Amino acid sequence: MITDERSLNYEVILLKSNEIKEAALKYFTIHGYEGASLSQIAEEVGMKKQSIYAHFKGKDDLFLQVLRDAKETELSSKHQYFNKMDSKNPEKDLYGFLQLVIDLFQKNEHIKFWLRMSFFRQRILKKKSGRK
């Protein structure tokens, strides 16, 4: 019984963490690291700002986890495409890949975020890499 309760609590915490990351993804994509606030993110998911710290160490940790998720989404979508690619027709494969990239950038929030982070380095990334 105790194991079931712990498992249920873990699932609830995981669901809330994912909900926080989805809201953070939205705000980081629109406003960047500097413009997004934990208060906005907390309000989006119906909690107080302080409650976010039960799930993440802080804004840096949340940002880096969202960035990691975005990277995984991008890599996995490309990996899936290349695994099913037909090497008999490279022109068709290249066209298909370019279409995949266009579709992903238009429809997938993780990829939009990844694109923004690729072109506009955020202060947090500079701080973590030791650059100014």
C-alpha atoms as a PDB file:
ATOM      1  CA  MET A   1       0.000   0.000   0.000  1.00  0.00           C
ATOM      2  CA  ILE A   2       2.795   2.424   0.897  1.00  0.00           C
ATOM      3  CA  THR A   3       4.547   1.614  -2.397  1.00  0.00           C
ATOM      4  CA  ASP A   4       1.331   2.399  -4.308  1.00  0.00           C
ATOM      5  CA  GLU A   5       1.027   5.765  -2.521  1.00  0.00           C
ATOM      6  CA  ARG A   6       4.657   6.621  -3.255  1.00  0.00           C
ATOM      7  CA  SER A   7       4.229   5.625  -6.877  1.00  0.00           C
ATOM      8  CA  LEU A   8       1.095   7.764  -7.148  1.00  0.00           C
ATOM      9  CA  ASN A   9       2.850  10.738  -5.495  1.00  0.00           C
ATOM     10  CA  TYR A  10       5.782  10.373  -7.871  1.00  0.00           C
ATOM     11  CA  GLU A  11       3.428  10.341 -10.872  1.00  0.00           C
ATOM     12  CA  VAL A  12       1.643  13.474  -9.623  1.00  0.00           C
ATOM     13  CA  ILE A  13       4.975  15.268  -9.117  1.00  0.00           C
ATOM     14  CA  LEU A  14       6.156  14.163 -12.564  1.00  0.00           C
ATOM     15  CA  LEU A  15       2.923  15.375 -14.186  1.00  0.00           C
ATOM     16  CA  LYS A  16       3.234  18.761 -12.465  1.00  0.00           C
ATOM     17  CA  SER A  17       6.913  19.041 -13.453  1.00  0.00           C
ATOM     18  CA  ASN A  18       5.970  18.356 -17.067  1.00  0.00           C
ATOM     19  CA  GLU A  19       3.177  20.933 -16.867  1.00  0.00           C
ATOM     20  CA  ILE A  20       5.685  23.492 -15.531  1.00  0.00           C
ATOM     21  CA  LYS A  21       8.134  22.641 -18.327  1.00  0.00           C
ATOM     22  CA  GLU A  22       5.404  23.096 -20.971  1.00  0.00           C
ATOM     23  CA  ALA A  23       4.513  26.523 -19.588  1.00  0.00           C
ATOM     24  CA  ALA A  24       8.216  27.423 -19.359  1.00  0.00           C
ATOM     25  CA  LEU A  25       8.701  26.295 -22.953  1.00  0.00           C
ATOM     26  CA  LYS A  26       5.998  28.748 -24.033  1.00  0.00           C
ATOM     27  CA  TYR A  27       7.465  31.704 -22.127  1.00  0.00           C
ATOM     28  CA  PHE A  28      11.116  30.963 -22.974  1.00  0.00           C
ATOM     29  CA  THR A  29      10.211  30.610 -26.655  1.00  0.00           C
ATOM     30  CA  ILE A  30       8.323  33.903 -26.750  1.00  0.00           C
ATOM     31  CA  HIS A  31      10.415  36.005 -24.362  1.00  0.00           C
ATOM     32  CA  GLY A  32      13.789  34.239 -24.125  1.00  0.00           C
ATOM     33  CA  TYR A  33      15.524  33.455 -20.853  1.00  0.00           C
ATOM     34  CA  GLU A  34      15.774  37.072 -19.733  1.00  0.00           C
ATOM     35  CA  GLY A  35      12.161  37.986 -20.518  1.00  0.00           C
ATOM     36  CA  ALA A  36      10.454  34.940 -19.038  1.00  0.00           C
ATOM     37  CA  SER A  37       9.693  34.992 -15.333  1.00  0.00           C
ATOM     38  CA  LEU A  38       9.019  32.191 -12.877  1.00  0.00           C
ATOM     39  CA  SER A  39       5.989  34.175 -11.692  1.00  0.00           C
ATOM     40  CA  GLN A  40       4.435  34.036 -15.172  1.00  0.00           C
ATOM     41  CA  ILE A  41       5.194  30.338 -15.467  1.00  0.00           C
ATOM     42  CA  ALA A  42       3.771  29.587 -12.017  1.00  0.00           C
ATOM     43  CA  GLU A  43       0.613  31.559 -12.753  1.00  0.00           C
ATOM     44  CA  GLU A  44       0.175  29.648 -16.030  1.00  0.00           C
ATOM     45  CA  VAL A  45       0.096  26.317 -14.162  1.00  0.00           C
ATOM     46  CA  GLY A  46      -1.960  27.603 -11.211  1.00  0.00           C
ATOM     47  CA  MET A  47       0.660  27.595  -8.500  1.00  0.00           C
ATOM     48  CA  LYS A  48       2.795  30.035  -6.524  1.00  0.00           C
ATOM     49  CA  LYS A  49       6.286  30.886  -7.706  1.00  0.00           C
ATOM     50  CA  GLN A  50       7.847  29.300  -4.606  1.00  0.00           C
ATOM     51  CA  SER A  51       6.219  25.956  -5.458  1.00  0.00           C
ATOM     52  CA  ILE A  52       8.311  25.692  -8.622  1.00  0.00           C
ATOM     53  CA  TYR A  53      11.356  25.192  -6.397  1.00  0.00           C
ATOM     54  CA  ALA A  54       9.884  21.862  -5.246  1.00  0.00           C
ATOM     55  CA  HIS A  55      10.357  20.679  -8.853  1.00  0.00           C
ATOM     56  CA  PHE A  56      13.386  22.640 -10.092  1.00  0.00           C
ATOM     57  CA  LYS A  57      16.415  24.252  -8.432  1.00  0.00           C
ATOM     58  CA  GLY A  58      15.578  27.580 -10.050  1.00  0.00           C
ATOM     59  CA  LYS A  59      15.086  29.359 -13.344  1.00  0.00           C
ATOM     60  CA  ASP A  60      18.465  28.161 -14.679  1.00  0.00           C
ATOM     61  CA  ASP A  61      17.641  24.530 -13.939  1.00  0.00           C
ATOM     62  CA  LEU A  62      14.183  24.832 -15.489  1.00  0.00           C
ATOM     63  CA  PHE A  63      15.583  26.518 -18.594  1.00  0.00           C
ATOM     64  CA  LEU A  64      18.278  23.874 -19.050  1.00  0.00           C
ATOM     65  CA  GLN A  65      15.753  21.052 -18.651  1.00  0.00           C
ATOM     66  CA  VAL A  66      13.469  22.633 -21.259  1.00  0.00           C
ATOM     67  CA  LEU A  67      16.497  23.047 -23.535  1.00  0.00           C
ATOM     68  CA  ARG A  68      17.434  19.377 -23.008  1.00  0.00           C
ATOM     69  CA  ASP A  69      13.883  18.287 -23.879  1.00  0.00           C
ATOM     70  CA  ALA A  70      13.944  20.441 -27.025  1.00  0.00           C
ATOM     71  CA  LYS A  71      17.262  18.936 -28.101  1.00  0.00           C
ATOM     72  CA  GLU A  72      15.917  15.424 -27.569  1.00  0.00           C
ATOM     73  CA  THR A  73      12.795  16.226 -29.615  1.00  0.00           C
ATOM     74  CA  GLU A  74      14.862  17.551 -32.490  1.00  0.00           C
ATOM     75  CA  LEU A  75      17.336  14.657 -32.478  1.00  0.00           C
ATOM     76  CA  SER A  76      14.667  12.010 -32.160  1.00  0.00           C
ATOM     77  CA  SER A  77      12.566  13.371 -35.042  1.00  0.00           C
ATOM     78  CA  LYS A  78      15.597  13.447 -37.346  1.00  0.00           C
ATOM     79  CA  HIS A  79      16.744  10.027 -36.176  1.00  0.00           C
ATOM     80  CA  GLN A  80      13.309   8.576 -36.957  1.00  0.00           C
ATOM     81  CA  TYR A  81      13.378  10.103 -40.428  1.00  0.00           C
ATOM     82  CA  PHE A  82      16.846   8.796 -41.270  1.00  0.00           C
ATOM     83  CA  ASN A  83      15.983   5.306 -40.005  1.00  0.00           C
ATOM     84  CA  LYS A  84      13.125   4.987 -42.499  1.00  0.00           C
ATOM     85  CA  MET A  85      14.912   6.743 -45.367  1.00  0.00           C
ATOM     86  CA  ASP A  86      15.159   5.010 -48.746  1.00  0.00           C
ATOM     87  CA  SER A  87      18.717   5.518 -49.987  1.00  0.00           C
ATOM     88  CA  LYS A  88      17.725   4.551 -53.553  1.00  0.00           C
ATOM     89  CA  ASN A  89      16.432   8.045 -54.234  1.00  0.00           C
ATOM     90  CA  PRO A  90      18.648  10.700 -52.557  1.00  0.00           C
ATOM     91  CA  GLU A  91      16.793  13.618 -54.156  1.00  0.00           C
ATOM     92  CA  LYS A  92      13.495  12.408 -52.694  1.00  0.00           C
ATOM     93  CA  ASP A  93      15.191  11.779 -49.328  1.00  0.00           C
ATOM     94  CA  LEU A  94      16.659  15.286 -49.221  1.00  0.00           C
ATOM     95  CA  TYR A  95      13.344  16.856 -50.181  1.00  0.00           C
ATOM     96  CA  GLY A  96      11.601  14.777 -47.497  1.00  0.00           C
ATOM     97  CA  PHE A  97      14.148  15.828 -44.895  1.00  0.00           C
ATOM     98  CA  LEU A  98      13.777  19.521 -45.762  1.00  0.00           C
ATOM     99  CA  GLN A  99       9.997  19.168 -45.583  1.00  0.00           C
ATOM    100  CA  LEU A 100      10.344  17.507 -42.157  1.00  0.00           C
ATOM    101  CA  VAL A 101      12.487  20.391 -40.900  1.00  0.00           C
ATOM    102  CA  ILE A 102      10.018  22.990 -42.194  1.00  0.00           C
ATOM    103  CA  ASP A 103       7.066  21.142 -40.635  1.00  0.00           C
ATOM    104  CA  LEU A 104       8.849  20.769 -37.308  1.00  0.00           C
ATOM    105  CA  PHE A 105       9.791  24.438 -37.114  1.00  0.00           C
ATOM    106  CA  GLN A 106       6.237  25.490 -37.950  1.00  0.00           C
ATOM    107  CA  LYS A 107       4.333  23.085 -35.710  1.00  0.00           C
ATOM    108  CA  ASN A 108       6.490  21.912 -32.811  1.00  0.00           C
ATOM    109  CA  GLU A 109       7.029  24.224 -29.827  1.00  0.00           C
ATOM    110  CA  HIS A 110      10.172  22.376 -28.718  1.00  0.00           C
ATOM    111  CA  ILE A 111      11.733  22.918 -32.132  1.00  0.00           C
ATOM    112  CA  LYS A 112      10.716  26.594 -32.205  1.00  0.00           C
ATOM    113  CA  PHE A 113      12.415  26.990 -28.840  1.00  0.00           C
ATOM    114  CA  TRP A 114      15.502  25.089 -30.062  1.00  0.00           C
ATOM    115  CA  LEU A 115      15.692  27.352 -33.114  1.00  0.00           C
ATOM    116  CA  ARG A 116      15.467  30.505 -31.002  1.00  0.00           C
ATOM    117  CA  MET A 117      18.185  29.241 -28.666  1.00  0.00           C
ATOM    118  CA  SER A 118      20.383  28.333 -31.638  1.00  0.00           C
ATOM    119  CA  PHE A 119      20.362  31.871 -32.998  1.00  0.00           C
ATOM    120  CA  PHE A 120      20.029  33.954 -29.843  1.00  0.00           C
ATOM    121  CA  ARG A 121      22.385  32.712 -27.152  1.00  0.00           C
ATOM    122  CA  GLN A 122      20.911  33.371 -23.779  1.00  0.00           C
ATOM    123  CA  ARG A 123      22.786  34.729 -20.770  1.00  0.00           C
ATOM    124  CA  ILE A 124      22.379  31.418 -18.953  1.00  0.00           C
ATOM    125  CA  LEU A 125      24.194  29.533 -21.707  1.00  0.00           C
ATOM    126  CA  LYS A 126      27.037  32.047 -21.682  1.00  0.00           C
ATOM    127  CA  LYS A 127      27.278  31.797 -17.889  1.00  0.00           C
ATOM    128  CA  LYS A 128      27.301  27.965 -17.935  1.00  0.00           C
ATOM    129  CA  SER A 129      29.989  27.876 -20.649  1.00  0.00           C
ATOM    130  CA  GLY A 130      32.153  30.489 -18.907  1.00  0.00           C
ATOM    131  CA  ARG A 131      31.896  32.972 -21.809  1.00  0.00           C
ATOM    132  CA  LYS A 132      30.930  36.610 -21.535  1.00  0.00           C
END
